[in-house]
Amino acid sequence: MTMYTKDGRLMIPIGNRKKKSINENKIRYIINEAFCPKGCSLIDHEIEINGFPGLRIGFRRPRVEGEFAISAVEGDFKKIVLSGQLEEGVKDELQCPHCKAVFEKLVNCNCKPEGEMIVIGLTPKLNFNNAITFCNVTGCANGTFIKSGEALRHVRLSAM
């Protein structure tokens, strides 16, 4: 077998390369930067959840206002309520704890008719392709963050 093509380029057979297998299901993302719609940082280095700074988020509904921090680790449902009271199965309007800007809705969630997947940017200027999303109904199975692209892909597939 010749190692060079007729024009002198080196041929490297693909079959001889070692393939690295990565199990995507075992990879967990950790958010180290997150921003509100106006660009405020949501990472709170004073609140640690599972060894990483938490994402501080404000919430409100009629007669109730408060703040909580969620884990920055993908797939982790841990949450610390800092003030106010969250209620299981209840939708809250989620907002920046600093400037009170309300987070934008990405898509409706299938947990309840009023459930929404809100979006948090991973850059100061919101880019839906570089963001995370989770449901604004306390206790929803979509209550842990996922990449916004995954949520959109899931919505498109379930609509078919």
N, C-alpha and C. Protein backbone atom coordinates (compact mmCIF):
# COMPACT_ATOMS: atom_id res chain seq x y z
N MET A 1 0.84 -1.18 0.00
CA MET A 1 0.00 0.00 0.00
C MET A 1 0.89 1.24 0.00
N THR A 2 0.55 2.18 -0.84
CA THR A 2 1.33 3.41 -0.95
C THR A 2 0.88 4.42 0.10
N MET A 3 1.81 5.23 0.61
CA MET A 3 1.50 6.22 1.63
C MET A 3 1.17 7.58 1.05
N TYR A 4 1.40 7.76 -0.27
CA TYR A 4 1.20 9.06 -0.89
C TYR A 4 0.26 8.95 -2.08
N THR A 5 -0.50 10.03 -2.32
CA THR A 5 -1.36 10.08 -3.50
C THR A 5 -0.51 10.44 -4.71
N LYS A 6 -1.10 10.42 -5.90
CA LYS A 6 -0.37 10.73 -7.12
C LYS A 6 0.19 12.15 -7.11
N ASP A 7 -0.51 13.07 -6.40
CA ASP A 7 -0.02 14.45 -6.37
C ASP A 7 0.88 14.72 -5.16
N GLY A 8 1.31 13.69 -4.43
CA GLY A 8 2.29 13.84 -3.38
C GLY A 8 1.76 14.06 -1.97
N ARG A 9 0.43 14.01 -1.78
CA ARG A 9 -0.13 14.19 -0.43
C ARG A 9 -0.08 12.89 0.35
N LEU A 10 0.19 13.03 1.65
CA LEU A 10 0.26 11.86 2.54
C LEU A 10 -1.14 11.35 2.80
N MET A 11 -1.33 10.03 2.69
CA MET A 11 -2.64 9.42 2.98
C MET A 11 -2.58 8.83 4.39
N ILE A 12 -3.59 9.17 5.18
CA ILE A 12 -3.71 8.59 6.52
C ILE A 12 -5.01 7.81 6.55
N PRO A 13 -4.93 6.50 6.61
CA PRO A 13 -6.17 5.70 6.62
C PRO A 13 -7.00 5.99 7.87
N ILE A 14 -8.27 6.25 7.67
CA ILE A 14 -9.17 6.57 8.79
C ILE A 14 -9.34 5.36 9.70
N GLY A 15 -9.34 4.18 9.15
CA GLY A 15 -9.56 2.96 9.93
C GLY A 15 -8.49 2.72 10.97
N ASN A 16 -7.29 3.27 10.80
CA ASN A 16 -6.20 3.04 11.74
C ASN A 16 -6.19 4.01 12.91
N ARG A 17 -7.03 5.02 12.85
CA ARG A 17 -7.07 5.99 13.95
C ARG A 17 -7.79 5.39 15.15
N LYS A 18 -7.32 5.76 16.32
CA LYS A 18 -8.02 5.33 17.53
C LYS A 18 -9.19 6.26 17.78
N LYS A 19 -10.32 5.69 18.05
CA LYS A 19 -11.51 6.49 18.32
C LYS A 19 -11.66 6.67 19.81
N LYS A 20 -11.93 7.90 20.20
CA LYS A 20 -12.21 8.19 21.60
C LYS A 20 -13.72 8.18 21.75
N SER A 21 -14.20 7.43 22.70
CA SER A 21 -15.65 7.44 22.91
C SER A 21 -15.95 8.27 24.15
N ILE A 22 -16.86 9.20 23.97
CA ILE A 22 -17.30 10.05 25.08
C ILE A 22 -18.77 9.77 25.29
N ASN A 23 -19.11 9.40 26.48
CA ASN A 23 -20.50 9.17 26.81
C ASN A 23 -21.12 10.51 27.20
N GLU A 24 -21.89 11.11 26.27
CA GLU A 24 -22.49 12.42 26.49
C GLU A 24 -23.40 12.44 27.72
N ASN A 25 -23.97 11.30 28.08
CA ASN A 25 -24.87 11.25 29.23
C ASN A 25 -24.14 11.44 30.56
N LYS A 26 -22.81 11.24 30.56
CA LYS A 26 -22.04 11.37 31.80
C LYS A 26 -21.44 12.76 31.97
N ILE A 27 -21.54 13.60 30.93
CA ILE A 27 -20.98 14.95 31.01
C ILE A 27 -22.00 15.85 31.69
N ARG A 28 -21.56 16.59 32.70
CA ARG A 28 -22.42 17.56 33.37
C ARG A 28 -21.77 18.93 33.24
N TYR A 29 -22.56 19.88 32.80
CA TYR A 29 -22.04 21.23 32.62
C TYR A 29 -22.16 22.02 33.92
N ILE A 30 -21.20 22.89 34.14
CA ILE A 30 -21.22 23.76 35.31
C ILE A 30 -21.20 25.19 34.80
N ILE A 31 -22.17 25.96 35.25
CA ILE A 31 -22.29 27.35 34.82
C ILE A 31 -21.39 28.20 35.70
N ASN A 32 -20.48 28.95 35.07
CA ASN A 32 -19.63 29.85 35.85
C ASN A 32 -19.91 31.31 35.53
N GLU A 33 -20.79 31.56 34.54
CA GLU A 33 -21.24 32.90 34.22
C GLU A 33 -22.70 32.82 33.78
N ALA A 34 -23.53 33.70 34.32
CA ALA A 34 -24.95 33.76 33.95
C ALA A 34 -25.41 35.20 34.16
N PHE A 35 -26.31 35.67 33.27
CA PHE A 35 -26.67 37.08 33.29
C PHE A 35 -28.18 37.27 33.11
N CYS A 36 -28.68 38.36 33.70
CA CYS A 36 -30.08 38.73 33.53
C CYS A 36 -30.23 39.41 32.16
N PRO A 37 -31.48 39.72 31.73
CA PRO A 37 -31.67 40.36 30.43
C PRO A 37 -30.95 41.71 30.29
N LYS A 38 -30.67 42.38 31.40
CA LYS A 38 -29.98 43.67 31.34
C LYS A 38 -28.47 43.55 31.56
N GLY A 39 -27.97 42.32 31.78
CA GLY A 39 -26.53 42.10 31.90
C GLY A 39 -25.98 41.97 33.30
N CYS A 40 -26.83 41.98 34.33
CA CYS A 40 -26.35 41.79 35.71
C CYS A 40 -25.88 40.35 35.89
N SER A 41 -24.81 40.15 36.63
CA SER A 41 -24.32 38.80 36.92
C SER A 41 -25.22 38.13 37.96
N LEU A 42 -25.56 36.88 37.72
CA LEU A 42 -26.42 36.11 38.64
C LEU A 42 -25.61 35.15 39.51
N ILE A 43 -24.33 35.01 39.24
CA ILE A 43 -23.48 34.11 40.02
C ILE A 43 -23.23 34.76 41.39
N ASP A 44 -23.53 34.02 42.44
CA ASP A 44 -23.34 34.52 43.80
C ASP A 44 -22.27 33.67 44.47
N HIS A 45 -21.08 34.24 44.64
CA HIS A 45 -19.95 33.51 45.22
C HIS A 45 -20.10 33.30 46.73
N GLU A 46 -21.06 33.96 47.36
CA GLU A 46 -21.27 33.78 48.80
C GLU A 46 -22.17 32.58 49.09
N ILE A 47 -22.89 32.11 48.07
CA ILE A 47 -23.79 30.96 48.24
C ILE A 47 -23.21 29.79 47.46
N GLU A 48 -22.82 28.75 48.17
CA GLU A 48 -22.22 27.60 47.53
C GLU A 48 -23.17 26.41 47.59
N ILE A 49 -23.38 25.77 46.43
CA ILE A 49 -24.21 24.57 46.36
C ILE A 49 -23.38 23.50 45.67
N ASN A 50 -23.13 22.40 46.35
CA ASN A 50 -22.30 21.30 45.84
C ASN A 50 -20.92 21.76 45.40
N GLY A 51 -20.34 22.69 46.13
CA GLY A 51 -18.98 23.12 45.87
C GLY A 51 -18.81 24.20 44.82
N PHE A 52 -19.92 24.73 44.28
CA PHE A 52 -19.85 25.76 43.25
C PHE A 52 -20.76 26.93 43.63
N PRO A 53 -20.40 28.15 43.19
CA PRO A 53 -21.28 29.29 43.46
C PRO A 53 -22.65 29.06 42.82
N GLY A 54 -23.70 29.49 43.52
CA GLY A 54 -25.05 29.32 43.01
C GLY A 54 -25.49 30.46 42.11
N LEU A 55 -26.59 30.25 41.40
CA LEU A 55 -27.22 31.29 40.59
C LEU A 55 -28.34 31.90 41.43
N ARG A 56 -28.23 33.18 41.72
CA ARG A 56 -29.21 33.88 42.56
C ARG A 56 -30.31 34.44 41.66
N ILE A 57 -31.57 34.12 42.01
CA ILE A 57 -32.73 34.50 41.20
C ILE A 57 -33.82 35.05 42.11
N GLY A 58 -34.46 36.11 41.66
CA GLY A 58 -35.59 36.67 42.38
C GLY A 58 -36.90 36.09 41.85
N PHE A 59 -37.93 36.07 42.68
CA PHE A 59 -39.24 35.60 42.23
C PHE A 59 -40.33 36.45 42.84
N ARG A 60 -41.50 36.44 42.18
CA ARG A 60 -42.65 37.13 42.74
C ARG A 60 -43.93 36.55 42.14
N ARG A 61 -44.95 36.66 42.95
CA ARG A 61 -46.33 36.32 42.57
C ARG A 61 -47.20 37.18 43.46
N PRO A 62 -48.50 37.22 43.27
CA PRO A 62 -49.32 38.09 44.12
C PRO A 62 -49.05 37.90 45.62
N ARG A 63 -48.73 38.99 46.30
CA ARG A 63 -48.48 39.06 47.74
C ARG A 63 -47.24 38.32 48.23
N VAL A 64 -46.39 37.82 47.33
CA VAL A 64 -45.18 37.11 47.75
C VAL A 64 -44.01 37.54 46.86
N GLU A 65 -42.89 37.81 47.50
CA GLU A 65 -41.66 38.14 46.79
C GLU A 65 -40.51 37.52 47.54
N GLY A 66 -39.46 37.15 46.82
CA GLY A 66 -38.30 36.57 47.49
C GLY A 66 -37.18 36.28 46.54
N GLU A 67 -36.21 35.52 47.04
CA GLU A 67 -35.04 35.13 46.26
C GLU A 67 -34.66 33.70 46.60
N PHE A 68 -34.06 33.02 45.64
CA PHE A 68 -33.50 31.70 45.87
C PHE A 68 -32.24 31.56 45.04
N ALA A 69 -31.46 30.54 45.35
CA ALA A 69 -30.26 30.22 44.58
C ALA A 69 -30.39 28.79 44.10
N ILE A 70 -30.04 28.56 42.84
CA ILE A 70 -30.07 27.19 42.30
C ILE A 70 -28.64 26.74 42.04
N SER A 71 -28.47 25.44 41.97
CA SER A 71 -27.18 24.85 41.70
C SER A 71 -26.72 25.22 40.30
N ALA A 72 -25.42 25.45 40.15
CA ALA A 72 -24.83 25.74 38.85
C ALA A 72 -24.43 24.48 38.10
N VAL A 73 -24.78 23.31 38.66
CA VAL A 73 -24.44 22.03 38.06
C VAL A 73 -25.67 21.50 37.30
N GLU A 74 -25.47 21.19 36.02
CA GLU A 74 -26.57 20.67 35.20
C GLU A 74 -27.13 19.39 35.82
N GLY A 75 -28.44 19.30 35.86
CA GLY A 75 -29.10 18.11 36.37
C GLY A 75 -29.25 18.08 37.88
N ASP A 76 -28.78 19.09 38.58
CA ASP A 76 -28.86 19.14 40.03
C ASP A 76 -30.06 20.01 40.43
N PHE A 77 -31.00 19.44 41.16
CA PHE A 77 -32.21 20.15 41.56
C PHE A 77 -32.05 20.93 42.86
N LYS A 78 -30.86 20.94 43.45
CA LYS A 78 -30.70 21.62 44.74
C LYS A 78 -30.96 23.11 44.61
N LYS A 79 -31.66 23.63 45.60
CA LYS A 79 -32.07 25.03 45.62
C LYS A 79 -32.08 25.49 47.06
N ILE A 80 -31.66 26.73 47.29
CA ILE A 80 -31.70 27.31 48.63
C ILE A 80 -32.62 28.53 48.57
N VAL A 81 -33.68 28.53 49.36
CA VAL A 81 -34.57 29.68 49.43
C VAL A 81 -33.94 30.68 50.39
N LEU A 82 -33.68 31.88 49.88
CA LEU A 82 -33.01 32.92 50.67
C LEU A 82 -34.00 33.83 51.37
N SER A 83 -35.15 34.07 50.72
CA SER A 83 -36.21 34.88 51.33
C SER A 83 -37.51 34.56 50.63
N GLY A 84 -38.63 34.84 51.29
CA GLY A 84 -39.92 34.50 50.72
C GLY A 84 -40.20 33.01 50.84
N GLN A 85 -41.24 32.55 50.15
CA GLN A 85 -41.60 31.14 50.23
C GLN A 85 -42.06 30.65 48.85
N LEU A 86 -41.42 29.57 48.39
CA LEU A 86 -41.84 28.92 47.15
C LEU A 86 -42.89 27.89 47.48
N GLU A 87 -43.86 27.70 46.58
CA GLU A 87 -44.91 26.71 46.79
C GLU A 87 -44.88 25.70 45.66
N GLU A 88 -44.90 24.42 46.04
CA GLU A 88 -44.91 23.32 45.08
C GLU A 88 -46.06 23.48 44.09
N GLY A 89 -45.73 23.37 42.79
CA GLY A 89 -46.75 23.42 41.75
C GLY A 89 -47.22 24.82 41.37
N VAL A 90 -46.63 25.85 41.96
CA VAL A 90 -47.05 27.23 41.70
C VAL A 90 -46.04 27.92 40.79
N LYS A 91 -46.56 28.67 39.81
CA LYS A 91 -45.71 29.43 38.89
C LYS A 91 -45.35 30.77 39.53
N ASP A 92 -44.07 31.14 39.40
CA ASP A 92 -43.60 32.43 39.87
C ASP A 92 -43.03 33.19 38.68
N GLU A 93 -43.11 34.51 38.74
CA GLU A 93 -42.42 35.33 37.76
C GLU A 93 -40.99 35.44 38.24
N LEU A 94 -40.04 35.01 37.42
CA LEU A 94 -38.63 35.02 37.83
C LEU A 94 -37.95 36.26 37.29
N GLN A 95 -37.10 36.84 38.13
CA GLN A 95 -36.49 38.13 37.79
C GLN A 95 -35.08 38.22 38.34
N CYS A 96 -34.37 39.24 37.86
CA CYS A 96 -33.03 39.52 38.37
C CYS A 96 -33.15 40.02 39.81
N PRO A 97 -32.35 39.51 40.73
CA PRO A 97 -32.41 39.98 42.12
C PRO A 97 -31.82 41.39 42.29
N HIS A 98 -31.09 41.88 41.28
CA HIS A 98 -30.44 43.18 41.37
C HIS A 98 -31.28 44.30 40.75
N CYS A 99 -31.66 44.13 39.48
CA CYS A 99 -32.36 45.21 38.76
C CYS A 99 -33.85 44.91 38.55
N LYS A 100 -34.30 43.73 38.94
CA LYS A 100 -35.70 43.29 38.85
C LYS A 100 -36.19 43.06 37.41
N ALA A 101 -35.27 42.98 36.45
CA ALA A 101 -35.66 42.67 35.07
C ALA A 101 -36.22 41.25 35.02
N VAL A 102 -37.37 41.08 34.36
CA VAL A 102 -38.03 39.78 34.27
C VAL A 102 -37.35 38.95 33.18
N PHE A 103 -37.10 37.67 33.48
CA PHE A 103 -36.48 36.78 32.51
C PHE A 103 -37.44 36.48 31.37
N GLU A 104 -36.89 36.37 30.17
CA GLU A 104 -37.70 36.11 28.99
C GLU A 104 -38.12 34.65 28.93
N LYS A 105 -39.25 34.42 28.28
CA LYS A 105 -39.77 33.07 28.08
C LYS A 105 -39.18 32.50 26.80
N LEU A 106 -38.70 31.25 26.86
CA LEU A 106 -38.20 30.57 25.67
C LEU A 106 -39.35 29.84 24.99
N VAL A 107 -40.02 28.96 25.74
CA VAL A 107 -41.17 28.20 25.24
C VAL A 107 -42.08 27.89 26.41
N ASN A 108 -43.28 27.41 26.14
CA ASN A 108 -44.17 26.94 27.20
C ASN A 108 -43.65 25.60 27.70
N CYS A 109 -43.86 25.33 28.97
CA CYS A 109 -43.50 24.04 29.55
C CYS A 109 -44.75 23.17 29.53
N ASN A 110 -44.55 21.87 29.45
CA ASN A 110 -45.70 20.96 29.39
C ASN A 110 -46.21 20.54 30.77
N CYS A 111 -45.65 21.11 31.85
CA CYS A 111 -46.06 20.70 33.20
C CYS A 111 -47.44 21.24 33.58
N LYS A 112 -47.74 22.45 33.15
CA LYS A 112 -49.01 23.12 33.46
C LYS A 112 -49.32 24.06 32.31
N PRO A 113 -50.57 24.42 32.11
CA PRO A 113 -50.88 25.35 31.03
C PRO A 113 -50.14 26.68 31.14
N GLU A 114 -49.88 27.14 32.36
CA GLU A 114 -49.20 28.43 32.52
C GLU A 114 -47.69 28.30 32.70
N GLY A 115 -47.15 27.09 32.73
CA GLY A 115 -45.71 26.89 32.92
C GLY A 115 -44.91 27.41 31.74
N GLU A 116 -43.77 28.02 32.06
CA GLU A 116 -42.91 28.59 31.02
C GLU A 116 -41.46 28.21 31.28
N MET A 117 -40.74 27.94 30.22
CA MET A 117 -39.30 27.74 30.30
C MET A 117 -38.67 29.11 30.11
N ILE A 118 -38.11 29.66 31.20
CA ILE A 118 -37.49 30.98 31.11
C ILE A 118 -36.02 30.81 30.70
N VAL A 119 -35.45 31.88 30.18
CA VAL A 119 -34.10 31.80 29.64
C VAL A 119 -33.15 32.72 30.40
N ILE A 120 -31.97 32.20 30.68
CA ILE A 120 -30.91 32.97 31.34
C ILE A 120 -29.69 32.91 30.43
N GLY A 121 -29.18 34.07 30.08
CA GLY A 121 -28.04 34.15 29.17
C GLY A 121 -26.73 33.78 29.83
N LEU A 122 -25.86 33.20 29.05
CA LEU A 122 -24.52 32.87 29.54
C LEU A 122 -23.50 33.94 29.12
N THR A 123 -24.02 34.98 28.46
CA THR A 123 -23.23 36.15 28.08
C THR A 123 -24.03 37.38 28.48
N PRO A 124 -23.38 38.52 28.73
CA PRO A 124 -24.12 39.71 29.16
C PRO A 124 -25.22 40.14 28.19
N LYS A 125 -25.01 39.97 26.88
CA LYS A 125 -26.06 40.26 25.90
C LYS A 125 -26.72 38.93 25.56
N LEU A 126 -28.03 38.84 25.81
CA LEU A 126 -28.75 37.57 25.65
C LEU A 126 -28.64 37.03 24.24
N ASN A 127 -28.22 35.78 24.15
CA ASN A 127 -28.14 35.04 22.90
C ASN A 127 -28.82 33.71 23.18
N PHE A 128 -29.96 33.46 22.53
CA PHE A 128 -30.73 32.24 22.82
C PHE A 128 -29.95 30.96 22.51
N ASN A 129 -28.93 31.05 21.68
CA ASN A 129 -28.10 29.88 21.37
C ASN A 129 -27.04 29.62 22.43
N ASN A 130 -26.82 30.59 23.30
CA ASN A 130 -25.83 30.45 24.36
C ASN A 130 -26.50 30.82 25.68
N ALA A 131 -27.44 29.97 26.08
CA ALA A 131 -28.24 30.24 27.26
C ALA A 131 -28.68 28.93 27.90
N ILE A 132 -29.21 29.07 29.11
CA ILE A 132 -29.82 27.93 29.80
C ILE A 132 -31.29 28.25 30.02
N THR A 133 -32.06 27.23 30.28
CA THR A 133 -33.48 27.42 30.49
C THR A 133 -33.98 26.44 31.55
N PHE A 134 -35.03 26.84 32.27
CA PHE A 134 -35.69 25.95 33.22
C PHE A 134 -37.09 26.48 33.46
N CYS A 135 -37.95 25.62 34.00
CA CYS A 135 -39.36 25.96 34.21
C CYS A 135 -39.53 26.88 35.42
N ASN A 136 -40.53 27.77 35.33
CA ASN A 136 -40.80 28.70 36.43
C ASN A 136 -41.90 28.19 37.37
N VAL A 137 -42.23 26.90 37.28
CA VAL A 137 -43.18 26.27 38.20
C VAL A 137 -42.37 25.45 39.20
N THR A 138 -42.49 25.76 40.49
CA THR A 138 -41.74 25.05 41.53
C THR A 138 -42.10 23.56 41.53
N GLY A 139 -41.06 22.72 41.48
CA GLY A 139 -41.26 21.27 41.54
C GLY A 139 -41.40 20.61 40.18
N CYS A 140 -41.42 21.37 39.09
CA CYS A 140 -41.53 20.79 37.75
C CYS A 140 -40.30 19.95 37.45
N ALA A 141 -40.47 18.88 36.67
CA ALA A 141 -39.34 18.03 36.28
C ALA A 141 -38.33 18.80 35.43
N ASN A 142 -38.75 19.90 34.82
CA ASN A 142 -37.85 20.76 34.05
C ASN A 142 -37.30 21.88 34.92
N GLY A 143 -37.25 21.67 36.22
CA GLY A 143 -36.80 22.68 37.16
C GLY A 143 -35.30 22.81 37.27
N THR A 144 -34.57 21.88 36.71
CA THR A 144 -33.12 22.01 36.66
C THR A 144 -32.74 22.55 35.30
N PHE A 145 -31.67 23.30 35.21
CA PHE A 145 -31.37 23.95 33.95
C PHE A 145 -30.90 22.97 32.88
N ILE A 146 -31.25 23.29 31.65
CA ILE A 146 -30.75 22.59 30.48
C ILE A 146 -30.34 23.65 29.47
N LYS A 147 -29.50 23.28 28.53
CA LYS A 147 -29.09 24.22 27.48
C LYS A 147 -30.32 24.58 26.66
N SER A 148 -30.47 25.84 26.29
CA SER A 148 -31.65 26.30 25.57
C SER A 148 -31.82 25.58 24.23
N GLY A 149 -30.71 25.25 23.57
CA GLY A 149 -30.79 24.52 22.29
C GLY A 149 -31.42 23.15 22.47
N GLU A 150 -31.13 22.48 23.59
CA GLU A 150 -31.74 21.18 23.88
C GLU A 150 -33.24 21.33 24.09
N ALA A 151 -33.66 22.38 24.76
CA ALA A 151 -35.09 22.61 25.00
C ALA A 151 -35.82 22.85 23.68
N LEU A 152 -35.22 23.67 22.81
CA LEU A 152 -35.85 23.94 21.51
C LEU A 152 -35.93 22.68 20.67
N ARG A 153 -34.87 21.86 20.68
CA ARG A 153 -34.88 20.61 19.93
C ARG A 153 -35.98 19.69 20.45
N HIS A 154 -36.13 19.61 21.76
CA HIS A 154 -37.14 18.76 22.37
C HIS A 154 -38.55 19.24 21.99
N VAL A 155 -38.77 20.56 21.99
CA VAL A 155 -40.08 21.11 21.64
C VAL A 155 -40.41 20.79 20.18
N ARG A 156 -39.43 20.94 19.31
CA ARG A 156 -39.66 20.65 17.89
C ARG A 156 -39.99 19.19 17.67
N LEU A 157 -39.28 18.29 18.38
CA LEU A 157 -39.53 16.86 18.21
C LEU A 157 -40.89 16.47 18.77
N SER A 158 -41.29 17.05 19.89
CA SER A 158 -42.57 16.67 20.50
C SER A 158 -43.75 17.27 19.73
N ALA A 159 -43.50 18.30 18.95
CA ALA A 159 -44.59 18.92 18.16
C ALA A 159 -44.88 18.14 16.88
N MET A 160 -43.97 17.26 16.51
CA MET A 160 -44.15 16.50 15.26
C MET A 160 -45.12 15.36 15.43
